[in-house]
């Protein structure tokens, strides 16, 4: 089942192109710029997690405002990944 006709069409085009390129089921063609964007966004998120863990370890009892700031930092770092996955 497909959620929309356009999704069905994209799947058909993908399968057709995979056959033309003789790609196996586990192979994929992705633009280098997309891979670079994904890698960069993952690095930013990893650094945000490290920063947040360090901040939490440094403060035995963080305030609500500090926790809110940490969460905002993590969400800001994660949002580009959400955009890239769509």
Protein backbone atom coordinates (compact mmCIF):
# COMPACT_ATOMS: atom_id res chain seq x y z
CA UNK A 1 0.00 0.00 0.00
CA UNK A 2 1.13 3.51 -0.73
CA UNK A 3 0.04 6.63 1.09
CA UNK A 4 -0.34 8.60 -2.16
CA UNK A 5 -0.18 8.03 -5.88
CA UNK A 6 3.01 10.11 -5.99
CA UNK A 7 4.67 7.68 -3.54
CA UNK A 8 3.67 4.79 -5.74
CA UNK A 9 5.11 6.57 -8.78
CA UNK A 10 8.39 7.33 -6.99
CA UNK A 11 8.74 3.67 -5.98
CA UNK A 12 8.14 2.57 -9.57
CA UNK A 13 10.72 5.05 -10.89
CA UNK A 14 13.20 3.96 -8.24
CA UNK A 15 12.81 0.28 -9.09
CA UNK A 16 13.10 1.00 -12.81
CA UNK A 17 16.27 3.08 -12.35
CA UNK A 18 17.77 0.45 -10.04
CA UNK A 19 17.28 -2.16 -12.73
CA UNK A 20 18.90 0.10 -15.35
CA UNK A 21 21.93 0.64 -13.08
CA UNK A 22 22.04 -3.05 -12.09
CA UNK A 23 21.86 -2.20 -8.42
CA UNK A 24 21.20 -4.89 -5.86
CA UNK A 25 18.46 -4.67 -3.24
CA UNK A 26 20.96 -3.29 -0.70
CA UNK A 27 22.52 -0.69 -2.97
CA UNK A 28 21.50 2.92 -3.28
CA UNK A 29 22.48 5.99 -5.29
CA UNK A 30 22.67 9.16 -3.21
CA UNK A 31 24.06 12.56 -4.15
CA UNK A 32 27.30 13.43 -2.36
CA UNK A 33 25.78 16.72 -1.20
CA UNK A 34 22.99 14.81 0.57
CA UNK A 35 25.49 12.54 2.30
CA UNK A 36 27.56 15.57 3.33
CA UNK A 37 24.50 17.36 4.70
CA UNK A 38 23.49 14.28 6.66
CA UNK A 39 26.99 13.78 8.05
CA UNK A 40 27.26 17.46 9.06
CA UNK A 41 23.88 17.39 10.79
CA UNK A 42 24.79 14.18 12.63
CA UNK A 43 28.04 15.76 13.86
CA UNK A 44 26.19 18.82 15.14
CA UNK A 45 23.73 16.60 16.99
CA UNK A 46 26.55 14.49 18.46
CA UNK A 47 28.28 17.64 19.76
CA UNK A 48 24.99 18.88 21.22
CA UNK A 49 24.55 15.58 23.06
CA UNK A 50 28.13 15.80 24.38
CA UNK A 51 27.59 19.40 25.52
CA UNK A 52 24.31 18.52 27.21
CA UNK A 53 25.81 15.51 28.99
CA UNK A 54 28.71 17.67 30.20
CA UNK A 55 26.32 20.40 31.40
CA UNK A 56 24.17 17.84 33.24
CA UNK A 57 27.24 16.29 34.88
CA UNK A 58 28.51 19.72 35.98
CA UNK A 59 25.25 20.71 37.66
CA UNK A 60 23.95 18.48 40.46
CA UNK A 61 20.56 20.18 40.39
CA UNK A 62 19.97 22.15 37.17
CA UNK A 63 17.22 24.74 37.20
CA UNK A 64 14.16 24.49 35.04
CA UNK A 65 15.56 27.29 32.84
CA UNK A 66 18.87 25.45 32.42
CA UNK A 67 17.08 22.23 31.47
CA UNK A 68 14.90 24.15 29.04
CA UNK A 69 18.03 25.68 27.45
CA UNK A 70 19.63 22.23 27.13
CA UNK A 71 16.51 20.81 25.53
CA UNK A 72 16.28 23.76 23.14
CA UNK A 73 19.93 23.21 22.13
CA UNK A 74 19.30 19.51 21.47
CA UNK A 75 16.14 20.21 19.48
CA UNK A 76 17.88 22.89 17.40
CA UNK A 77 20.64 20.41 16.62
CA UNK A 78 18.17 17.64 15.73
CA UNK A 79 15.82 19.60 13.47
CA UNK A 80 18.03 19.50 10.36
CA UNK A 81 18.02 15.70 10.56
CA UNK A 82 14.24 15.68 10.56
CA UNK A 83 14.23 17.86 7.44
CA UNK A 84 16.80 15.64 5.70
CA UNK A 85 14.81 12.50 6.40
CA UNK A 86 11.77 13.71 4.49
